[in-house]
Full PDB file with SEQRES, HELIX, SHEET, SSBOND, CRYST1, ORIGX, SCALE, CONECT and MASTER records, all heavy atoms in Angstrom:
SEQRES   1 A   36  ILE PRO LEU PHE SER ILE ASP GLY PRO VAL THR VAL GLU          
SEQRES   2 A   36  MET SER PHE ASN THR THR GLY PHE ALA GLU ASN ALA ALA          
SEQRES   3 A   36  ILE LEU PRO ILE VAL ASP GLN ILE ASP PRO                      
HELIX    1 AA1 THR A   19  ALA A   25  1                                   7    
CRYST1    1.000    1.000    1.000  90.00  90.00  90.00 P 1           1          
ORIGX1      1.000000  0.000000  0.000000        0.00000                         
ORIGX2      0.000000  1.000000  0.000000        0.00000                         
ORIGX3      0.000000  0.000000  1.000000        0.00000                         
SCALE1      1.000000  0.000000  0.000000        0.00000                         
SCALE2      0.000000  1.000000  0.000000        0.00000                         
SCALE3      0.000000  0.000000  1.000000        0.00000                         
ATOM      1  N   ILE A   1      78.440  78.694 108.152  1.00  0.00           N  
ATOM      2  CA  ILE A   1      79.785  79.068 107.683  1.00  0.00           C  
ATOM      3  C   ILE A   1      79.612  79.643 106.287  1.00  0.00           C  
ATOM      4  O   ILE A   1      79.160  78.951 105.410  1.00  0.00           O  
ATOM      5  CB  ILE A   1      80.653  77.837 107.664  1.00  0.00           C  
ATOM      6  CG1 ILE A   1      80.777  77.211 109.097  1.00  0.00           C  
ATOM      7  CG2 ILE A   1      82.025  78.239 107.098  1.00  0.00           C  
ATOM      8  CD1 ILE A   1      81.571  75.974 109.240  1.00  0.00           C  
ATOM      9  N   PRO A   2      79.853  80.916 106.128  1.00  0.00           N  
ATOM     10  CA  PRO A   2      79.682  81.510 104.806  1.00  0.00           C  
ATOM     11  C   PRO A   2      80.681  81.002 103.746  1.00  0.00           C  
ATOM     12  O   PRO A   2      81.825  80.513 104.169  1.00  0.00           O  
ATOM     13  CB  PRO A   2      80.015  83.003 105.052  1.00  0.00           C  
ATOM     14  CG  PRO A   2      80.811  83.080 106.264  1.00  0.00           C  
ATOM     15  CD  PRO A   2      80.450  81.812 107.029  1.00  0.00           C  
ATOM     16  N   LEU A   3      80.278  80.947 102.556  1.00  0.00           N  
ATOM     17  CA  LEU A   3      81.125  80.530 101.461  1.00  0.00           C  
ATOM     18  C   LEU A   3      82.251  81.573 101.355  1.00  0.00           C  
ATOM     19  O   LEU A   3      82.143  82.758 101.494  1.00  0.00           O  
ATOM     20  CB  LEU A   3      80.422  80.535 100.073  1.00  0.00           C  
ATOM     21  CG  LEU A   3      79.316  79.453  99.908  1.00  0.00           C  
ATOM     22  CD1 LEU A   3      78.632  79.659  98.597  1.00  0.00           C  
ATOM     23  CD2 LEU A   3      79.939  78.110 100.171  1.00  0.00           C  
ATOM     24  N   PHE A   4      83.473  81.085 101.070  1.00  0.00           N  
ATOM     25  CA  PHE A   4      84.591  81.931 101.029  1.00  0.00           C  
ATOM     26  C   PHE A   4      85.139  81.892  99.625  1.00  0.00           C  
ATOM     27  O   PHE A   4      85.225  80.915  98.947  1.00  0.00           O  
ATOM     28  CB  PHE A   4      85.780  81.325 101.937  1.00  0.00           C  
ATOM     29  CG  PHE A   4      86.967  82.130 101.974  1.00  0.00           C  
ATOM     30  CD1 PHE A   4      87.095  83.317 102.651  1.00  0.00           C  
ATOM     31  CD2 PHE A   4      88.155  81.767 101.274  1.00  0.00           C  
ATOM     32  CE1 PHE A   4      88.212  84.110 102.681  1.00  0.00           C  
ATOM     33  CE2 PHE A   4      89.331  82.628 101.287  1.00  0.00           C  
ATOM     34  CZ  PHE A   4      89.303  83.737 101.967  1.00  0.00           C  
ATOM     35  N   SER A   5      85.467  83.246  99.159  1.00  0.00           N  
ATOM     36  CA  SER A   5      85.999  83.322  97.741  1.00  0.00           C  
ATOM     37  C   SER A   5      87.082  84.373  97.758  1.00  0.00           C  
ATOM     38  O   SER A   5      87.033  85.342  98.622  1.00  0.00           O  
ATOM     39  CB  SER A   5      84.925  83.635  96.672  1.00  0.00           C  
ATOM     40  OG  SER A   5      84.354  84.867  97.015  1.00  0.00           O  
ATOM     41  N   ILE A   6      87.937  84.287  96.874  1.00  0.00           N  
ATOM     42  CA  ILE A   6      89.065  85.296  96.711  1.00  0.00           C  
ATOM     43  C   ILE A   6      88.859  85.916  95.329  1.00  0.00           C  
ATOM     44  O   ILE A   6      88.997  85.144  94.263  1.00  0.00           O  
ATOM     45  CB  ILE A   6      90.437  84.697  96.811  1.00  0.00           C  
ATOM     46  CG1 ILE A   6      90.538  84.095  98.220  1.00  0.00           C  
ATOM     47  CG2 ILE A   6      91.502  85.712  96.534  1.00  0.00           C  
ATOM     48  CD1 ILE A   6      91.880  83.255  98.409  1.00  0.00           C  
ATOM     49  N   ASP A   7      88.480  87.140  95.281  1.00  0.00           N  
ATOM     50  CA  ASP A   7      88.278  87.782  93.953  1.00  0.00           C  
ATOM     51  C   ASP A   7      89.333  88.593  93.471  1.00  0.00           C  
ATOM     52  O   ASP A   7      90.078  89.134  94.276  1.00  0.00           O  
ATOM     53  CB  ASP A   7      86.883  88.688  94.149  1.00  0.00           C  
ATOM     54  CG  ASP A   7      85.710  87.854  94.517  1.00  0.00           C  
ATOM     55  OD1 ASP A   7      85.539  86.851  93.914  1.00  0.00           O  
ATOM     56  OD2 ASP A   7      84.913  88.446  95.293  1.00  0.00           O  
ATOM     57  N   GLY A   8      89.425  88.758  92.107  1.00  0.00           N  
ATOM     58  CA  GLY A   8      90.439  89.677  91.594  1.00  0.00           C  
ATOM     59  C   GLY A   8      91.865  89.192  91.659  1.00  0.00           C  
ATOM     60  O   GLY A   8      92.064  88.019  91.945  1.00  0.00           O  
ATOM     61  N   PRO A   9      92.761  90.098  91.336  1.00  0.00           N  
ATOM     62  CA  PRO A   9      94.164  89.673  91.305  1.00  0.00           C  
ATOM     63  C   PRO A   9      94.753  89.327  92.706  1.00  0.00           C  
ATOM     64  O   PRO A   9      94.239  89.719  93.676  1.00  0.00           O  
ATOM     65  CB  PRO A   9      94.914  90.941  90.770  1.00  0.00           C  
ATOM     66  CG  PRO A   9      93.932  91.902  90.473  1.00  0.00           C  
ATOM     67  CD  PRO A   9      92.618  91.413  91.045  1.00  0.00           C  
ATOM     68  N   VAL A  10      95.708  88.393  92.730  1.00  0.00           N  
ATOM     69  CA  VAL A  10      96.290  87.926  94.004  1.00  0.00           C  
ATOM     70  C   VAL A  10      97.800  88.093  93.893  1.00  0.00           C  
ATOM     71  O   VAL A  10      98.384  87.952  92.788  1.00  0.00           O  
ATOM     72  CB  VAL A  10      95.936  86.505  94.314  1.00  0.00           C  
ATOM     73  CG1 VAL A  10      94.432  86.351  94.558  1.00  0.00           C  
ATOM     74  CG2 VAL A  10      96.306  85.544  93.186  1.00  0.00           C  
ATOM     75  N   THR A  11      98.339  88.334  95.071  1.00  0.00           N  
ATOM     76  CA  THR A  11      99.827  88.329  95.053  1.00  0.00           C  
ATOM     77  C   THR A  11     100.160  87.155  95.957  1.00  0.00           C  
ATOM     78  O   THR A  11      99.717  86.926  97.095  1.00  0.00           O  
ATOM     79  CB  THR A  11     100.353  89.613  95.783  1.00  0.00           C  
ATOM     80  OG1 THR A  11     100.095  90.667  94.932  1.00  0.00           O  
ATOM     81  CG2 THR A  11     101.888  89.566  95.918  1.00  0.00           C  
ATOM     82  N   VAL A  12     101.083  86.224  95.381  1.00  0.00           N  
ATOM     83  CA  VAL A  12     101.454  84.992  96.167  1.00  0.00           C  
ATOM     84  C   VAL A  12     102.879  85.162  96.574  1.00  0.00           C  
ATOM     85  O   VAL A  12     103.819  85.506  95.802  1.00  0.00           O  
ATOM     86  CB  VAL A  12     101.205  83.825  95.226  1.00  0.00           C  
ATOM     87  CG1 VAL A  12     101.751  82.547  95.909  1.00  0.00           C  
ATOM     88  CG2 VAL A  12      99.791  83.680  94.825  1.00  0.00           C  
ATOM     89  N   GLU A  13     103.098  84.722  97.887  1.00  0.00           N  
ATOM     90  CA  GLU A  13     104.493  84.682  98.427  1.00  0.00           C  
ATOM     91  C   GLU A  13     104.672  83.179  98.789  1.00  0.00           C  
ATOM     92  O   GLU A  13     103.886  82.710  99.695  1.00  0.00           O  
ATOM     93  CB  GLU A  13     104.593  85.615  99.621  1.00  0.00           C  
ATOM     94  CG  GLU A  13     106.025  85.632 100.160  1.00  0.00           C  
ATOM     95  CD  GLU A  13     106.121  86.713 101.192  1.00  0.00           C  
ATOM     96  OE1 GLU A  13     105.907  87.866 100.954  1.00  0.00           O  
ATOM     97  OE2 GLU A  13     106.581  86.270 102.365  1.00  0.00           O  
ATOM     98  N   MET A  14     105.708  82.535  98.382  1.00  0.00           N  
ATOM     99  CA  MET A  14     106.105  81.197  98.677  1.00  0.00           C  
ATOM    100  C   MET A  14     107.392  81.098  99.349  1.00  0.00           C  
ATOM    101  O   MET A  14     108.427  81.668  98.814  1.00  0.00           O  
ATOM    102  CB  MET A  14     106.102  80.344  97.371  1.00  0.00           C  
ATOM    103  CG  MET A  14     104.766  80.179  96.773  1.00  0.00           C  
ATOM    104  SD  MET A  14     104.805  79.253  95.126  1.00  0.00           S  
ATOM    105  CE  MET A  14     105.259  77.594  95.837  1.00  0.00           C  
ATOM    106  N   SER A  15     107.542  80.409 100.435  1.00  0.00           N  
ATOM    107  CA  SER A  15     108.851  80.090 101.146  1.00  0.00           C  
ATOM    108  C   SER A  15     109.122  78.667 100.874  1.00  0.00           C  
ATOM    109  O   SER A  15     108.309  77.786 101.148  1.00  0.00           O  
ATOM    110  CB  SER A  15     108.696  80.429 102.540  1.00  0.00           C  
ATOM    111  OG  SER A  15     108.398  81.760 102.798  1.00  0.00           O  
ATOM    112  N   PHE A  16     110.412  78.423 100.498  1.00  0.00           N  
ATOM    113  CA  PHE A  16     110.917  77.023 100.335  1.00  0.00           C  
ATOM    114  C   PHE A  16     111.874  76.668 101.501  1.00  0.00           C  
ATOM    115  O   PHE A  16     112.369  77.466 102.140  1.00  0.00           O  
ATOM    116  CB  PHE A  16     111.620  76.925  98.995  1.00  0.00           C  
ATOM    117  CG  PHE A  16     110.715  77.173  97.820  1.00  0.00           C  
ATOM    118  CD1 PHE A  16     110.514  78.380  97.206  1.00  0.00           C  
ATOM    119  CD2 PHE A  16     109.927  76.069  97.300  1.00  0.00           C  
ATOM    120  CE1 PHE A  16     109.623  78.589  96.238  1.00  0.00           C  
ATOM    121  CE2 PHE A  16     109.072  76.285  96.185  1.00  0.00           C  
ATOM    122  CZ  PHE A  16     108.938  77.553  95.636  1.00  0.00           C  
ATOM    123  N   ASN A  17     112.107  75.303 101.588  1.00  0.00           N  
ATOM    124  CA  ASN A  17     112.934  74.817 102.594  1.00  0.00           C  
ATOM    125  C   ASN A  17     114.342  75.139 102.408  1.00  0.00           C  
ATOM    126  O   ASN A  17     115.227  75.208 103.332  1.00  0.00           O  
ATOM    127  CB  ASN A  17     112.719  73.243 102.812  1.00  0.00           C  
ATOM    128  CG  ASN A  17     111.474  73.002 103.357  1.00  0.00           C  
ATOM    129  OD1 ASN A  17     110.834  73.741 104.038  1.00  0.00           O  
ATOM    130  ND2 ASN A  17     111.049  71.674 103.200  1.00  0.00           N  
ATOM    131  N   THR A  18     114.719  75.254 101.147  1.00  0.00           N  
ATOM    132  CA  THR A  18     116.159  75.619 100.717  1.00  0.00           C  
ATOM    133  C   THR A  18     116.198  76.734  99.769  1.00  0.00           C  
ATOM    134  O   THR A  18     115.301  76.953  99.154  1.00  0.00           O  
ATOM    135  CB  THR A  18     116.983  74.356 100.161  1.00  0.00           C  
ATOM    136  OG1 THR A  18     116.307  74.091  98.834  1.00  0.00           O  
ATOM    137  CG2 THR A  18     116.674  73.033 100.998  1.00  0.00           C  
ATOM    138  N   THR A  19     117.368  77.363  99.820  1.00  0.00           N  
ATOM    139  CA  THR A  19     117.540  78.432  98.854  1.00  0.00           C  
ATOM    140  C   THR A  19     117.639  78.004  97.420  1.00  0.00           C  
ATOM    141  O   THR A  19     117.173  78.695  96.525  1.00  0.00           O  
ATOM    142  CB  THR A  19     118.921  79.227  99.246  1.00  0.00           C  
ATOM    143  OG1 THR A  19     119.923  78.295  99.089  1.00  0.00           O  
ATOM    144  CG2 THR A  19     118.792  79.827 100.566  1.00  0.00           C  
ATOM    145  N   GLY A  20     118.054  76.771  97.164  1.00  0.00           N  
ATOM    146  CA  GLY A  20     118.170  76.240  95.853  1.00  0.00           C  
ATOM    147  C   GLY A  20     116.765  76.054  95.253  1.00  0.00           C  
ATOM    148  O   GLY A  20     116.519  76.345  94.102  1.00  0.00           O  
ATOM    149  N   PHE A  21     115.763  75.676  96.064  1.00  0.00           N  
ATOM    150  CA  PHE A  21     114.445  75.499  95.548  1.00  0.00           C  
ATOM    151  C   PHE A  21     113.832  76.947  95.132  1.00  0.00           C  
ATOM    152  O   PHE A  21     113.214  77.070  94.119  1.00  0.00           O  
ATOM    153  CB  PHE A  21     113.445  74.957  96.527  1.00  0.00           C  
ATOM    154  CG  PHE A  21     113.626  73.497  96.817  1.00  0.00           C  
ATOM    155  CD1 PHE A  21     113.026  72.850  97.936  1.00  0.00           C  
ATOM    156  CD2 PHE A  21     114.460  72.678  96.056  1.00  0.00           C  
ATOM    157  CE1 PHE A  21     113.196  71.574  98.193  1.00  0.00           C  
ATOM    158  CE2 PHE A  21     114.649  71.410  96.243  1.00  0.00           C  
ATOM    159  CZ  PHE A  21     113.996  70.807  97.346  1.00  0.00           C  
ATOM    160  N   ALA A  22     114.117  77.932  95.918  1.00  0.00           N  
ATOM    161  CA  ALA A  22     113.685  79.337  95.618  1.00  0.00           C  
ATOM    162  C   ALA A  22     114.369  79.821  94.268  1.00  0.00           C  
ATOM    163  O   ALA A  22     113.786  80.440  93.418  1.00  0.00           O  
ATOM    164  CB  ALA A  22     113.922  80.299  96.700  1.00  0.00           C  
ATOM    165  N   GLU A  23     115.654  79.505  94.104  1.00  0.00           N  
ATOM    166  CA  GLU A  23     116.437  79.908  92.951  1.00  0.00           C  
ATOM    167  C   GLU A  23     115.793  79.231  91.751  1.00  0.00           C  
ATOM    168  O   GLU A  23     115.750  79.837  90.641  1.00  0.00           O  
ATOM    169  CB  GLU A  23     117.884  79.610  93.102  1.00  0.00           C  
ATOM    170  CG  GLU A  23     118.555  80.449  94.149  1.00  0.00           C  
ATOM    171  CD  GLU A  23     119.964  79.999  94.584  1.00  0.00           C  
ATOM    172  OE1 GLU A  23     120.343  78.970  94.007  1.00  0.00           O  
ATOM    173  OE2 GLU A  23     120.501  80.598  95.404  1.00  0.00           O  
ATOM    174  N   ASN A  24     115.500  77.928  91.865  1.00  0.00           N  
ATOM    175  CA  ASN A  24     114.824  77.203  90.810  1.00  0.00           C  
ATOM    176  C   ASN A  24     113.503  77.817  90.371  1.00  0.00           C  
ATOM    177  O   ASN A  24     113.170  77.986  89.208  1.00  0.00           O  
ATOM    178  CB  ASN A  24     114.774  75.730  91.000  1.00  0.00           C  
ATOM    179  CG  ASN A  24     115.942  75.035  91.232  1.00  0.00           C  
ATOM    180  OD1 ASN A  24     117.006  75.431  90.772  1.00  0.00           O  
ATOM    181  ND2 ASN A  24     115.919  73.714  91.748  1.00  0.00           N  
ATOM    182  N   ALA A  25     112.671  78.099  91.344  1.00  0.00           N  
ATOM    183  CA  ALA A  25     111.453  78.712  91.068  1.00  0.00           C  
ATOM    184  C   ALA A  25     111.514  80.080  90.458  1.00  0.00           C  
ATOM    185  O   ALA A  25     110.713  80.486  89.559  1.00  0.00           O  
ATOM    186  CB  ALA A  25     110.597  78.833  92.423  1.00  0.00           C  
ATOM    187  N   ALA A  26     112.515  80.867  90.817  1.00  0.00           N  
ATOM    188  CA  ALA A  26     112.734  82.194  90.331  1.00  0.00           C  
ATOM    189  C   ALA A  26     113.110  82.326  88.813  1.00  0.00           C  
ATOM    190  O   ALA A  26     113.323  83.367  88.281  1.00  0.00           O  
ATOM    191  CB  ALA A  26     113.661  82.979  91.143  1.00  0.00           C  
ATOM    192  N   ILE A  27     113.308  81.159  88.274  1.00  0.00           N  
ATOM    193  CA  ILE A  27     113.736  81.124  86.831  1.00  0.00           C  
ATOM    194  C   ILE A  27     112.606  81.633  85.980  1.00  0.00           C  
ATOM    195  O   ILE A  27     112.839  82.151  84.810  1.00  0.00           O  
ATOM    196  CB  ILE A  27     114.093  79.701  86.403  1.00  0.00           C  
ATOM    197  CG1 ILE A  27     114.982  79.869  85.091  1.00  0.00           C  
ATOM    198  CG2 ILE A  27     112.999  78.732  86.206  1.00  0.00           C  
ATOM    199  CD1 ILE A  27     115.887  78.693  84.837  1.00  0.00           C  
ATOM    200  N   LEU A  28     111.318  81.493  86.428  1.00  0.00           N  
ATOM    201  CA  LEU A  28     110.215  82.073  85.592  1.00  0.00           C  
ATOM    202  C   LEU A  28     110.132  83.521  85.606  1.00  0.00           C  
ATOM    203  O   LEU A  28     110.409  84.152  86.599  1.00  0.00           O  
ATOM    204  CB  LEU A  28     108.850  81.464  86.136  1.00  0.00           C  
ATOM    205  CG  LEU A  28     108.546  80.030  85.950  1.00  0.00           C  
ATOM    206  CD1 LEU A  28     107.261  79.733  86.461  1.00  0.00           C  
ATOM    207  CD2 LEU A  28     108.588  79.656  84.464  1.00  0.00           C  
ATOM    208  N   PRO A  29     109.938  84.155  84.490  1.00  0.00           N  
ATOM    209  CA  PRO A  29     109.944  85.653  84.397  1.00  0.00           C  
ATOM    210  C   PRO A  29     108.940  86.320  85.374  1.00  0.00           C  
ATOM    211  O   PRO A  29     109.187  87.420  85.779  1.00  0.00           O  
ATOM    212  CB  PRO A  29     109.654  85.895  83.026  1.00  0.00           C  
ATOM    213  CG  PRO A  29     109.843  84.695  82.307  1.00  0.00           C  
ATOM    214  CD  PRO A  29     109.666  83.589  83.204  1.00  0.00           C  
ATOM    215  N   ILE A  30     107.811  85.733  85.652  1.00  0.00           N  
ATOM    216  CA  ILE A  30     106.774  86.341  86.534  1.00  0.00           C  
ATOM    217  C   ILE A  30     107.224  86.270  88.071  1.00  0.00           C  
ATOM    218  O   ILE A  30     106.547  86.920  88.881  1.00  0.00           O  
ATOM    219  CB  ILE A  30     105.485  85.753  86.374  1.00  0.00           C  
ATOM    220  CG1 ILE A  30     105.350  84.282  86.828  1.00  0.00           C  
ATOM    221  CG2 ILE A  30     104.955  85.876  84.958  1.00  0.00           C  
ATOM    222  CD1 ILE A  30     104.010  83.916  87.380  1.00  0.00           C  
ATOM    223  N   VAL A  31     108.237  85.533  88.313  1.00  0.00           N  
ATOM    224  CA  VAL A  31     108.619  85.269  89.821  1.00  0.00           C  
ATOM    225  C   VAL A  31     109.764  86.111  90.218  1.00  0.00           C  
ATOM    226  O   VAL A  31     110.878  86.196  89.447  1.00  0.00           O  
ATOM    227  CB  VAL A  31     108.989  83.809  89.953  1.00  0.00           C  
ATOM    228  CG1 VAL A  31     109.369  83.503  91.413  1.00  0.00           C  
ATOM    229  CG2 VAL A  31     107.784  82.853  89.629  1.00  0.00           C  
ATOM    230  N   ASP A  32     109.623  86.804  91.218  1.00  0.00           N  
ATOM    231  CA  ASP A  32     110.741  87.510  91.916  1.00  0.00           C  
ATOM    232  C   ASP A  32     111.138  86.861  93.233  1.00  0.00           C  
ATOM    233  O   ASP A  32     110.337  86.470  94.002  1.00  0.00           O  
ATOM    234  CB  ASP A  32     110.246  89.006  92.321  1.00  0.00           C  
ATOM    235  CG  ASP A  32     109.929  89.785  91.134  1.00  0.00           C  
ATOM    236  OD1 ASP A  32     110.791  89.677  90.087  1.00  0.00           O  
ATOM    237  OD2 ASP A  32     108.882  90.449  91.075  1.00  0.00           O  
ATOM    238  N   GLN A  33     112.482  86.689  93.291  1.00  0.00           N  
ATOM    239  CA  GLN A  33     113.039  86.115  94.624  1.00  0.00           C  
ATOM    240  C   GLN A  33     113.285  87.296  95.514  1.00  0.00           C  
ATOM    241  O   GLN A  33     114.059  88.183  95.257  1.00  0.00           O  
ATOM    242  CB  GLN A  33     114.314  85.380  94.325  1.00  0.00           C  
ATOM    243  CG  GLN A  33     114.908  84.651  95.518  1.00  0.00           C  
ATOM    244  CD  GLN A  33     115.895  83.603  95.109  1.00  0.00           C  
ATOM    245  OE1 GLN A  33     116.332  83.528  93.967  1.00  0.00           O  
ATOM    246  NE2 GLN A  33     116.498  83.046  96.118  1.00  0.00           N  
ATOM    247  N   ILE A  34     112.622  87.294  96.640  1.00  0.00           N  
ATOM    248  CA  ILE A  34     112.659  88.389  97.553  1.00  0.00           C  
ATOM    249  C   ILE A  34     113.624  88.312  98.751  1.00  0.00           C  
ATOM    250  O   ILE A  34     113.913  89.167  99.468  1.00  0.00           O  
ATOM    251  CB  ILE A  34     111.272  88.848  98.036  1.00  0.00           C  
ATOM    252  CG1 ILE A  34     110.550  87.683  98.848  1.00  0.00           C  
ATOM    253  CG2 ILE A  34     110.356  89.386  96.890  1.00  0.00           C  
ATOM    254  CD1 ILE A  34     109.273  88.151  99.414  1.00  0.00           C  
ATOM    255  N   ASP A  35     113.986  86.988  99.018  1.00  0.00           N  
ATOM    256  CA  ASP A  35     115.036  86.724  99.954  1.00  0.00           C  
ATOM    257  C   ASP A  35     115.516  85.380  99.561  1.00  0.00           C  
ATOM    258  O   ASP A  35     115.190  84.823  98.649  1.00  0.00           O  
ATOM    259  CB  ASP A  35     114.604  86.844 101.487  1.00  0.00           C  
ATOM    260  CG  ASP A  35     113.593  85.759 101.967  1.00  0.00           C  
ATOM    261  OD1 ASP A  35     113.670  84.679 101.553  1.00  0.00           O  
ATOM    262  OD2 ASP A  35     112.820  86.121 102.761  1.00  0.00           O  
ATOM    263  N   PRO A  36     116.643  84.846 100.221  1.00  0.00           N  
ATOM    264  CA  PRO A  36     117.223  83.618  99.854  1.00  0.00           C  
ATOM    265  C   PRO A  36     116.263  82.362  99.711  1.00  0.00           C  
ATOM    266  O   PRO A  36     116.572  81.533  98.718  1.00  0.00           O  
ATOM    267  CB  PRO A  36     118.262  83.303 100.816  1.00  0.00           C  
ATOM    268  CG  PRO A  36     118.661  84.636 101.393  1.00  0.00           C  
ATOM    269  CD  PRO A  36     117.334  85.414 101.358  1.00  0.00           C  
TER     270      PRO A  36                                                      
MASTER        0    0    0    1    0    0    0    6  269    1    0    3          
END                                                                             
C-alpha cells in the first residue's frame, strides 16, 4: 500500500446537518456558503 499524500493547495467543501451550522461556519471571511 503506497503512502498517500496531498500536496499543494486544497479546496474543502463541508456539508452540515442543518442550515444554521453552515451559516455559523460562513461567518469566517475565507468561507463561502454555496448552498443552504
